[in-house]
Amino acid sequence: MKNKTIRFTLLIPLIVTFLLSGCTTLYPALPAAPVTPELVTPQPTVAPDLGTLGDALYPNLGNAGYDVQHYALDLSVDVTSNTITATTVISAVAMTALDSFHLDLSGLRVDNIDVGGQPADFTREDGELIITPAVALAEGETFSVTVAYGGQPEPRAMPMLGQIGWLQRGETIVVVSEPFGASTWFPSNDHPQDKATYDIRITVDEPFVAASNGLLIDVIEADGQRTYVWDVINPMATYLATVAIDEYIIEEEEGPNGLPIINFITPGTRDVALLALENTSEMIEFYTELIGPYPFESYGAIVLPLGFSLETQTRSLLSQGHLLMPGEEVVAHELVHQWFGNSVSLEQWQDIWLNEGFATYLSWLWAEHRYGPERLESIVTGSIQAPFNVNPPGTPSADNLFAQTVYVRGALTLHALRLRLGEETFFDLIRQYYATFRDDNVSTEEFIALVEEISGEELDAFFEKWLYTTGIPSLTEE
């Protein structure tokens, strides 16, 4: 759901900072699984008249020509065989006249497709599902696409992470899709520029529990199965959609202003998880005051005995291992992403420092709030001394998207900006940045333009040094 408008007007050991990543991890808990990986960088063939969404790092990711408004996903999952039988209904608007259009879908068989209730022809090529409707679509026309499909989802290969997408480990199934894994389990326009709302229905055999995004509005029990019905009412990028299946314990509480907090915890991790999550409500209050209103309809966590954490919208995936190191910092990091990354989303993947730098720095601010300015000073000092921070965060490569510099030097950039602008202007900037780009996408250039507008300063040299130049600048250097 695009809504794009260009606007100008804790002594925490440093290793903990390394672990505060939206998707990457140094915690080696993911066992290898036999899989034939696809291309690291998706390279679908896209018809020239449709083009792509023009991502600088993944130039063929996502599809042009239409704007998705809503996804309705209905999945029946056999956990033992790791197979799905599914239907996805996509509601979209044609942004131009379309004789055909593309969806991203990796692997899986496609049984049939209809567009507007009429059977449609389709072909497949390099992770693309190319659909030709019976009747061409007119510019501005609202249309629906129904795709019936199934099979065993296959993870995709990703540098630094190993595998992304639909993952099975024993009797645990979890979806971790950043940056292009959504296509492993549902047909989509798989790029953050095209956000949409969702209905997600997941049917599993008892005693399994199926967690997902948004609000759990129903659990239907019949014939030894349970269908979990989830409703996502705020726009969400495809990579933030998740499914997690296990024999979860569900822990619920009421957060600030009646916000539902729903946590899913695997048996055997309950004590560790509840200890790490006990300050969630207080954190939400802190960040609401610092940034602005919490952006979504619910929150909570899915605690996993695996080796990654990810800020899936409304329901963060938290590694059990990360919660031990200490969990408070990880919980804060993934919570901040609900504002910065999930609501305020990047325009292109090269802008990832906007997600990770903000989440990392604002997790440091939680430590400052809880333990005083000395804690923040200690974290900043240790981060400056880390050798990887000589590399600039503004120019990641596709093979190095989750380099620690986008997290830590991204955070240092914000700390240097705070020192440059002063307390009042900096925190006013944080609130205005969120208010300006809420439920929207933003580029680094737009962020810099907003900083200059609010501060009244020309800051090209500042951002050139911090985002694009090798070597750590002085924190107080003009």
Protein backbone atom coordinates (compact mmCIF):
# COMPACT_ATOMS: atom_id res chain seq x y z
CA MET A 1 0.00 0.00 0.00
CA LYS A 2 2.15 2.83 -1.26
CA ASN A 3 1.63 6.28 0.20
CA LYS A 4 4.79 7.90 -1.04
CA THR A 5 5.19 11.67 -0.85
CA ILE A 6 8.56 13.35 -1.29
CA ARG A 7 9.04 15.76 1.62
CA PHE A 8 11.54 18.55 1.91
CA THR A 9 9.88 21.05 4.10
CA LEU A 10 24.05 -1.64 31.47
CA LEU A 11 28.19 -1.84 31.28
CA ILE A 12 27.15 -3.83 28.26
CA PRO A 13 29.91 -5.85 26.63
CA LEU A 14 30.35 -4.89 23.03
CA ILE A 15 29.45 -8.40 21.93
CA VAL A 16 25.88 -7.64 23.05
CA THR A 17 25.75 -4.80 20.58
CA PHE A 18 26.82 -7.23 17.88
CA LEU A 19 23.83 -9.37 18.74
CA LEU A 20 21.28 -6.58 18.53
CA SER A 21 20.56 -7.30 14.94
CA GLY A 22 17.21 -7.33 13.22
CA CYS A 23 17.98 -10.58 11.47
CA THR A 24 21.67 -11.41 11.61
CA THR A 25 23.32 -13.10 14.54
CA LEU A 26 26.65 -14.33 15.85
CA TYR A 27 24.89 -16.94 17.99
CA PRO A 28 25.50 -20.32 16.30
CA ALA A 29 22.24 -22.11 17.12
CA LEU A 30 20.89 -22.82 13.64
CA PRO A 31 21.94 -26.29 12.55
CA ALA A 32 22.63 -26.83 8.90
CA ALA A 33 19.76 -28.27 6.92
CA PRO A 34 19.99 -29.95 3.53
CA VAL A 35 18.79 -27.45 0.97
CA THR A 36 19.67 -26.51 -2.56
CA PRO A 37 19.87 -22.71 -2.33
CA GLU A 38 18.59 -20.45 -5.05
CA LEU A 39 20.45 -17.39 -6.21
CA VAL A 40 21.66 -15.21 -3.37
CA THR A 41 20.38 -12.14 -5.16
CA PRO A 42 17.05 -12.74 -6.92
CA GLN A 43 17.41 -12.24 -10.65
CA PRO A 44 13.95 -12.68 -12.19
CA THR A 45 13.31 -11.78 -15.79
CA VAL A 46 10.91 -8.84 -15.76
CA ALA A 47 9.04 -7.57 -18.79
CA PRO A 48 10.48 -4.18 -19.82
CA ASP A 49 7.05 -2.53 -19.84
CA LEU A 50 6.60 -3.43 -16.17
CA GLY A 51 10.12 -2.64 -14.99
CA THR A 52 11.00 -3.28 -11.35
CA LEU A 53 10.89 -1.24 -8.18
CA GLY A 54 14.48 -0.16 -8.84
CA ASP A 55 16.21 -1.29 -5.67
CA ALA A 56 19.89 -0.39 -5.86
CA LEU A 57 21.10 -3.59 -4.13
CA TYR A 58 18.46 -5.99 -5.47
CA PRO A 59 17.53 -4.42 -8.82
CA ASN A 60 15.08 -7.16 -9.83
CA LEU A 61 13.31 -7.50 -6.49
CA GLY A 62 9.66 -6.48 -6.41
CA ASN A 63 7.43 -5.63 -9.33
CA ALA A 64 6.04 -2.47 -10.87
CA GLY A 65 2.66 -1.82 -12.47
CA TYR A 66 0.38 -2.37 -9.50
CA ASP A 67 -0.04 -1.49 -5.83
CA VAL A 68 -1.10 -4.25 -3.42
CA GLN A 69 -3.75 -3.18 -0.91
CA HIS A 70 -4.41 -6.45 0.93
CA TYR A 71 -3.26 -10.06 1.23
CA ALA A 72 -5.56 -12.83 2.47
CA LEU A 73 -3.47 -15.91 3.25
CA ASP A 74 -5.03 -19.29 4.06
CA LEU A 75 -2.48 -22.00 4.88
CA SER A 76 -2.93 -25.58 5.99
CA VAL A 77 0.40 -26.80 7.39
CA ASP A 78 1.52 -30.39 7.94
CA VAL A 79 4.33 -29.89 10.43
CA THR A 80 5.68 -33.43 10.20
CA SER A 81 6.22 -33.32 6.42
CA ASN A 82 6.79 -29.55 6.34
CA THR A 83 4.28 -29.10 3.53
CA ILE A 84 1.62 -26.50 2.94
CA THR A 85 -1.62 -26.34 1.00
CA ALA A 86 -2.48 -22.69 0.54
CA THR A 87 -4.51 -20.00 -1.15
CA THR A 88 -3.50 -16.36 -1.35
CA VAL A 89 -5.96 -13.70 -2.47
CA ILE A 90 -4.36 -10.38 -3.41
CA SER A 91 -6.31 -7.15 -3.76
CA ALA A 92 -4.44 -4.54 -5.79
CA VAL A 93 -4.77 -1.43 -7.94
CA ALA A 94 -3.31 -1.28 -11.45
CA MET A 95 -1.00 1.73 -11.65
CA THR A 96 -0.90 1.44 -15.43
CA ALA A 97 -2.71 -0.61 -18.07
CA LEU A 98 -1.61 -4.24 -17.68
CA ASP A 99 -1.80 -7.08 -20.17
CA SER A 100 0.23 -9.13 -17.67
CA PHE A 101 1.90 -8.65 -14.33
CA HIS A 102 4.40 -10.41 -12.06
CA LEU A 103 4.36 -11.82 -8.53
CA ASP A 104 7.36 -13.10 -6.59
CA LEU A 105 7.10 -16.82 -5.76
CA SER A 106 10.04 -19.13 -5.14
CA GLY A 107 9.58 -22.89 -5.55
CA LEU A 108 6.22 -24.42 -4.62
CA ARG A 109 3.81 -25.70 -7.22
CA VAL A 110 1.02 -23.49 -8.55
CA ASP A 111 -2.30 -25.26 -9.08
CA ASN A 112 -4.40 -22.50 -10.57
CA ILE A 113 -4.81 -18.73 -10.74
CA ASP A 114 -7.76 -16.50 -11.40
CA VAL A 115 -7.94 -12.75 -11.82
CA GLY A 116 -11.26 -11.11 -11.06
CA GLY A 117 -12.93 -14.50 -10.83
CA GLN A 118 -11.78 -15.62 -14.28
CA PRO A 119 -9.08 -18.24 -14.91
CA ALA A 120 -5.76 -16.66 -15.89
CA ASP A 121 -2.77 -18.03 -17.78
CA PHE A 122 0.59 -18.06 -16.05
CA THR A 123 4.22 -18.96 -16.60
CA ARG A 124 7.18 -19.12 -14.23
CA GLU A 125 10.74 -17.92 -14.65
CA ASP A 126 13.54 -17.37 -12.12
CA GLY A 127 11.34 -16.88 -9.08
CA GLU A 128 8.73 -14.87 -10.97
CA LEU A 129 5.09 -15.85 -11.44
CA ILE A 130 4.02 -14.12 -14.66
CA ILE A 131 0.23 -13.81 -14.91
CA THR A 132 -1.84 -12.95 -17.97
CA PRO A 133 -5.46 -12.22 -17.07
CA ALA A 134 -8.30 -13.14 -19.43
CA VAL A 135 -9.14 -9.44 -19.73
CA ALA A 136 -6.45 -6.76 -19.63
CA LEU A 137 -6.48 -4.47 -16.60
CA ALA A 138 -7.12 -0.76 -17.05
CA GLU A 139 -5.07 1.92 -15.32
CA GLY A 140 -6.62 2.64 -11.92
CA GLU A 141 -8.63 -0.58 -11.88
CA THR A 142 -8.96 -2.45 -8.59
CA PHE A 143 -8.56 -6.16 -9.14
CA SER A 144 -8.13 -9.41 -7.20
CA VAL A 145 -5.77 -12.33 -7.85
CA THR A 146 -6.36 -15.75 -6.32
CA VAL A 147 -3.43 -18.19 -6.35
CA ALA A 148 -3.89 -21.80 -5.21
CA TYR A 149 -0.54 -23.45 -4.49
CA GLY A 150 1.33 -25.83 -2.22
CA GLY A 151 4.29 -28.08 -1.59
CA GLN A 152 7.33 -27.96 0.65
CA PRO A 153 8.74 -24.44 1.02
CA GLU A 154 12.47 -24.16 0.36
CA PRO A 155 14.65 -21.63 2.18
CA ARG A 156 16.73 -19.21 0.17
CA ALA A 157 20.44 -18.58 0.60
CA MET A 158 21.57 -15.27 2.05
CA PRO A 159 25.15 -14.17 2.83
CA MET A 160 25.92 -13.87 6.55
CA LEU A 161 22.58 -15.46 7.50
CA GLY A 162 22.77 -18.81 5.75
CA GLN A 163 19.08 -19.33 5.04
CA ILE A 164 15.99 -17.14 5.04
CA GLY A 165 12.30 -17.65 4.37
CA TRP A 166 10.26 -20.61 5.59
CA LEU A 167 12.49 -22.66 7.91
CA GLN A 168 11.89 -25.95 9.69
CA ARG A 169 14.02 -27.22 12.57
CA GLY A 170 12.62 -30.39 14.11
CA GLU A 171 8.99 -29.65 14.92
CA THR A 172 9.55 -25.89 14.94
CA ILE A 173 8.54 -23.94 11.83
CA VAL A 174 9.32 -20.24 11.59
CA VAL A 175 9.40 -17.64 8.85
CA VAL A 176 12.27 -15.14 8.83
CA SER A 177 12.19 -13.28 5.51
CA GLU A 178 14.51 -10.28 5.57
CA PRO A 179 15.24 -9.21 2.87
CA PHE A 180 13.63 -11.44 0.18
CA GLY A 181 12.29 -14.59 1.86
CA ALA A 182 8.54 -13.88 1.72
CA SER A 183 8.43 -15.42 -1.74
CA THR A 184 9.24 -18.84 -0.22
CA TRP A 185 5.74 -19.14 1.27
CA PHE A 186 3.30 -16.79 -0.49
CA PRO A 187 3.04 -15.00 -3.85
CA SER A 188 3.65 -11.30 -3.31
CA ASN A 189 5.19 -8.05 -4.41
CA ASP A 190 8.23 -8.74 -2.28
CA HIS A 191 9.71 -5.31 -1.56
CA PRO A 192 9.20 -2.89 1.38
CA GLN A 193 7.95 -0.16 -0.97
CA ASP A 194 4.64 -2.00 -1.42
CA LYS A 195 3.04 -2.38 2.01
CA ALA A 196 -0.41 -3.87 2.52
CA THR A 197 -2.82 -5.10 5.19
CA TYR A 198 -3.26 -8.83 5.82
CA ASP A 199 -5.62 -11.58 6.94
CA ILE A 200 -3.68 -14.73 7.86
CA ARG A 201 -5.35 -18.10 8.58
CA ILE A 202 -3.13 -21.02 9.62
CA THR A 203 -4.49 -24.52 10.19
CA VAL A 204 -2.34 -27.01 12.12
CA ASP A 205 -2.86 -30.32 13.87
CA GLU A 206 -3.25 -30.27 17.64
CA PRO A 207 -1.29 -29.70 19.87
CA PHE A 208 0.55 -27.22 17.64
CA VAL A 209 -0.02 -23.49 17.98
CA ALA A 210 0.37 -21.06 15.06
CA ALA A 211 1.59 -17.55 15.83
CA SER A 212 1.56 -14.69 13.35
CA ASN A 213 1.22 -10.92 13.04
CA GLY A 214 -1.47 -8.57 14.30
CA LEU A 215 -4.45 -9.54 16.43
CA LEU A 216 -5.55 -13.10 17.07
CA ILE A 217 -9.26 -12.79 16.39
CA ASP A 218 -10.31 -16.46 16.47
CA VAL A 219 -9.16 -20.03 17.10
CA ILE A 220 -11.37 -22.60 15.39
CA GLU A 221 -11.10 -26.20 16.61
CA ALA A 222 -12.43 -29.10 14.55
CA ASP A 223 -11.43 -32.70 13.80
CA GLY A 224 -8.20 -32.57 15.77
CA GLN A 225 -7.04 -29.36 14.11
CA ARG A 226 -6.86 -25.71 15.06
CA THR A 227 -7.20 -22.74 12.73
CA TYR A 228 -5.61 -19.54 14.00
CA VAL A 229 -7.09 -16.40 12.45
CA TRP A 230 -4.89 -13.27 12.49
CA ASP A 231 -5.81 -9.75 11.39
CA VAL A 232 -3.18 -7.14 10.42
CA ILE A 233 -4.91 -3.78 10.11
CA ASN A 234 -1.86 -1.56 9.56
CA PRO A 235 0.26 -1.65 6.39
CA MET A 236 3.08 -4.21 6.55
CA ALA A 237 6.05 -4.97 4.31
CA THR A 238 6.21 -8.53 3.01
CA TYR A 239 9.47 -9.40 4.79
CA LEU A 240 7.83 -8.61 8.14
CA ALA A 241 5.04 -11.17 7.73
CA THR A 242 5.70 -14.30 9.76
CA VAL A 243 4.36 -17.68 10.78
CA ALA A 244 5.76 -19.61 13.74
CA ILE A 245 4.48 -23.06 14.68
CA ASP A 246 5.35 -25.07 17.78
CA GLU A 247 3.73 -26.29 20.98
CA TYR A 248 3.78 -22.76 22.37
CA ILE A 249 2.69 -21.48 25.73
CA ILE A 250 0.69 -18.28 25.17
CA GLU A 251 1.26 -15.51 27.72
CA GLU A 252 -0.98 -12.43 27.45
CA GLU A 253 -0.95 -9.09 29.23
CA GLU A 254 -2.34 -5.61 28.77
CA GLY A 255 0.15 -2.95 27.87
CA PRO A 256 -0.08 0.85 27.90
CA ASN A 257 -3.46 2.24 26.83
CA GLY A 258 -4.93 -1.26 26.70
CA LEU A 259 -2.46 -2.51 24.07
CA PRO A 260 -2.72 -6.31 23.76
CA ILE A 261 0.68 -7.97 24.36
CA ILE A 262 0.70 -11.61 23.22
CA ASN A 263 3.84 -13.68 23.76
CA PHE A 264 4.48 -17.19 22.41
CA ILE A 265 7.04 -19.17 24.37
CA THR A 266 8.36 -22.67 23.79
CA PRO A 267 8.14 -25.09 26.72
CA GLY A 268 11.36 -25.11 28.68
CA THR A 269 12.17 -21.45 27.96
CA ARG A 270 9.34 -19.86 29.97
CA ASP A 271 11.36 -18.62 32.96
CA VAL A 272 14.15 -17.13 30.83
CA ALA A 273 11.67 -15.57 28.42
CA LEU A 274 9.42 -14.00 31.05
CA LEU A 275 12.44 -12.52 32.82
CA ALA A 276 13.69 -10.94 29.58
CA LEU A 277 10.20 -9.70 28.65
CA GLU A 278 9.14 -8.35 32.02
CA ASN A 279 9.91 -4.71 31.13
CA THR A 280 8.09 -4.72 27.76
CA SER A 281 5.22 -2.48 28.93
CA GLU A 282 7.63 -0.03 30.54
CA MET A 283 9.69 0.04 27.35
CA ILE A 284 6.61 0.78 25.24
CA GLU A 285 5.75 3.68 27.55
CA PHE A 286 9.31 5.00 27.34
CA TYR A 287 9.48 4.84 23.55
CA THR A 288 5.96 6.25 23.14
CA GLU A 289 7.05 9.33 25.06
CA LEU A 290 10.36 9.52 23.19
CA ILE A 291 9.12 8.83 19.63
CA GLY A 292 5.34 8.99 19.42
CA PRO A 293 2.35 6.63 19.72
CA TYR A 294 3.01 2.93 19.34
CA PRO A 295 2.09 2.35 15.68
CA PHE A 296 0.25 -0.99 15.64
CA GLU A 297 -2.71 -2.95 16.94
CA SER A 298 -0.80 -5.32 19.24
CA TYR A 299 2.67 -6.35 20.32
CA GLY A 300 4.41 -9.39 21.69
CA ALA A 301 7.24 -11.80 21.06
CA ILE A 302 7.79 -15.29 19.75
CA VAL A 303 10.66 -16.86 21.69
CA LEU A 304 12.55 -19.44 19.66
CA PRO A 305 15.24 -22.00 20.47
CA LEU A 306 17.03 -20.86 17.30
CA GLY A 307 19.83 -18.51 16.39
CA PHE A 308 18.25 -15.28 15.17
CA SER A 309 16.07 -12.37 16.21
CA LEU A 310 13.93 -10.34 13.81
CA GLU A 311 11.51 -7.45 14.16
CA THR A 312 8.50 -9.09 12.49
CA GLN A 313 5.65 -6.59 12.69
CA THR A 314 3.77 -6.59 16.03
CA ARG A 315 5.37 -9.88 17.10
CA SER A 316 9.16 -9.85 17.32
CA LEU A 317 11.06 -13.10 16.86
CA LEU A 318 13.50 -13.40 19.77
CA SER A 319 16.24 -15.99 19.98
CA GLN A 320 16.39 -17.79 23.31
CA GLY A 321 20.17 -17.50 23.12
CA HIS A 322 19.98 -13.74 22.62
CA LEU A 323 17.75 -13.36 25.66
CA LEU A 324 20.58 -14.65 27.83
CA MET A 325 23.13 -12.01 26.72
CA PRO A 326 21.32 -9.97 28.27
CA GLY A 327 17.80 -10.11 26.85
CA GLU A 328 16.78 -6.60 27.88
CA GLU A 329 18.92 -5.04 25.15
CA VAL A 330 17.61 -7.37 22.46
CA VAL A 331 13.99 -6.81 23.50
CA ALA A 332 14.51 -3.04 23.33
CA HIS A 333 16.19 -3.24 19.92
CA GLU A 334 13.42 -5.28 18.29
CA LEU A 335 10.73 -3.17 19.96
CA VAL A 336 12.19 0.05 18.53
CA HIS A 337 11.93 -1.51 15.08
CA GLN A 338 8.15 -1.35 15.37
CA TRP A 339 8.53 2.42 14.95
CA PHE A 340 11.69 2.52 12.82
CA GLY A 341 11.81 -0.22 10.22
CA ASN A 342 8.23 -1.47 10.41
CA SER A 343 6.13 1.73 10.47
CA VAL A 344 8.82 4.03 9.03
CA SER A 345 10.20 1.68 6.38
CA LEU A 346 13.23 1.95 4.16
CA GLU A 347 12.84 3.05 0.55
CA GLN A 348 15.59 0.76 -0.72
CA TRP A 349 17.67 -1.90 0.99
CA GLN A 350 20.80 0.27 0.82
CA ASP A 351 19.05 2.51 3.39
CA ILE A 352 19.14 -0.28 6.01
CA TRP A 353 21.19 1.82 8.42
CA LEU A 354 17.99 3.83 8.98
CA ASN A 355 16.39 0.68 10.38
CA GLU A 356 19.32 -0.76 12.28
CA GLY A 357 21.09 2.42 13.36
CA PHE A 358 17.89 3.77 14.91
CA ALA A 359 17.02 0.47 16.62
CA THR A 360 20.54 0.15 18.00
CA TYR A 361 20.85 3.73 19.21
CA LEU A 362 17.42 3.84 20.80
CA SER A 363 18.18 0.58 22.60
CA TRP A 364 21.22 2.42 23.98
CA LEU A 365 18.86 5.19 25.10
CA TRP A 366 16.87 2.62 27.08
CA ALA A 367 20.11 1.69 28.86
CA GLU A 368 20.77 5.40 29.47
CA HIS A 369 17.23 5.80 30.85
CA ARG A 370 17.52 2.76 33.13
CA TYR A 371 21.10 3.03 34.32
CA GLY A 372 22.20 6.60 33.73
CA PRO A 373 24.40 8.52 31.26
CA GLU A 374 27.51 6.60 32.33
CA ARG A 375 26.08 3.46 30.77
CA LEU A 376 25.54 5.21 27.43
CA GLU A 377 29.04 6.69 27.58
CA SER A 378 30.48 3.22 28.17
CA ILE A 379 28.58 1.74 25.22
CA VAL A 380 29.62 4.59 22.90
CA THR A 381 33.27 4.33 23.94
CA GLY A 382 33.35 0.59 23.31
CA SER A 383 31.62 1.00 19.97
CA ILE A 384 34.08 3.61 18.74
CA GLN A 385 36.92 1.22 19.52
CA ALA A 386 35.40 -1.66 17.54
CA PRO A 387 37.52 -2.14 14.39
CA PHE A 388 34.59 -2.85 12.05
CA ASN A 389 33.23 0.65 12.63
CA VAL A 390 35.87 2.16 10.36
CA ASN A 391 33.59 1.05 7.52
CA PRO A 392 30.78 3.43 6.55
CA PRO A 393 27.16 2.29 7.08
CA GLY A 394 25.60 4.13 4.14
CA THR A 395 26.98 1.87 1.41
CA PRO A 396 26.34 -1.79 2.26
CA SER A 397 26.59 -4.35 -0.50
CA ALA A 398 24.07 -7.09 -1.26
CA ASP A 399 26.53 -9.66 0.10
CA ASN A 400 27.18 -7.59 3.24
CA LEU A 401 23.75 -6.16 3.99
CA PHE A 402 23.88 -7.06 7.68
CA ALA A 403 27.42 -5.93 8.37
CA GLN A 404 27.70 -4.74 11.97
CA THR A 405 28.64 -1.26 10.81
CA VAL A 406 25.04 -0.54 9.74
CA TYR A 407 24.02 -1.23 13.32
CA VAL A 408 26.75 0.24 15.45
CA ARG A 409 28.23 2.98 13.30
CA GLY A 410 24.67 3.81 12.27
CA ALA A 411 23.95 4.31 15.97
CA LEU A 412 27.14 6.34 16.43
CA THR A 413 26.01 8.59 13.57
CA LEU A 414 22.85 9.37 15.53
CA HIS A 415 24.83 9.96 18.72
CA ALA A 416 27.13 12.38 16.89
CA LEU A 417 24.05 14.08 15.46
CA ARG A 418 22.64 14.44 18.98
CA LEU A 419 25.84 16.12 20.11
CA ARG A 420 25.82 18.37 17.04
CA LEU A 421 22.17 19.46 17.29
CA GLY A 422 21.71 19.54 21.05
CA GLU A 423 19.19 17.66 23.17
CA GLU A 424 16.05 19.63 22.37
CA THR A 425 16.51 19.70 18.60
CA PHE A 426 17.65 16.08 18.38
CA PHE A 427 14.68 14.65 20.25
CA ASP A 428 12.32 16.94 18.36
CA LEU A 429 13.86 15.47 15.20
CA ILE A 430 13.15 11.90 16.39
CA ARG A 431 9.48 12.72 16.96
CA GLN A 432 9.07 14.65 13.71
CA TYR A 433 10.85 11.96 11.69
CA TYR A 434 8.40 9.36 12.95
CA ALA A 435 5.35 11.60 12.48
CA THR A 436 6.41 12.57 8.95
CA PHE A 437 7.05 9.05 7.63
CA ARG A 438 4.69 6.90 9.71
CA ASP A 439 3.28 4.01 7.61
CA ASP A 440 5.45 5.23 4.73
CA ASN A 441 8.88 4.71 3.18
CA VAL A 442 11.94 6.91 3.56
CA SER A 443 15.36 7.24 1.97
CA THR A 444 18.59 8.47 3.50
CA GLU A 445 18.34 11.58 1.34
CA GLU A 446 14.88 12.36 2.73
CA PHE A 447 16.07 11.83 6.28
CA ILE A 448 18.97 14.23 5.74
CA ALA A 449 16.63 16.80 4.18
CA LEU A 450 14.37 16.61 7.23
CA VAL A 451 17.34 16.98 9.60
CA GLU A 452 18.47 20.11 7.74
CA GLU A 453 14.96 21.53 7.72
CA ILE A 454 14.48 21.06 11.46
CA SER A 455 17.99 22.16 12.45
CA GLY A 456 18.35 24.98 9.97
CA GLU A 457 21.87 23.70 9.23
CA GLU A 458 23.55 22.45 6.07
CA LEU A 459 24.85 19.01 7.06
CA ASP A 460 26.15 17.41 3.88
CA ALA A 461 29.73 17.30 5.20
CA PHE A 462 28.59 15.76 8.50
CA PHE A 463 26.68 12.93 6.84
CA GLU A 464 29.36 12.40 4.20
CA LYS A 465 31.88 11.68 6.97
CA TRP A 466 29.63 9.50 9.08
CA LEU A 467 27.75 7.53 6.42
CA TYR A 468 30.07 7.33 3.43
CA THR A 469 33.71 7.78 4.52
CA THR A 470 36.05 5.11 5.87
CA GLY A 471 37.42 5.87 9.32
CA ILE A 472 35.61 6.96 12.49
CA PRO A 473 35.17 10.74 12.63
CA SER A 474 35.41 12.62 15.91
CA LEU A 475 32.08 12.68 17.73
CA THR A 476 32.38 16.41 18.23
CA GLU A 477 33.95 17.31 14.91
CA GLU A 478 32.12 20.09 13.03
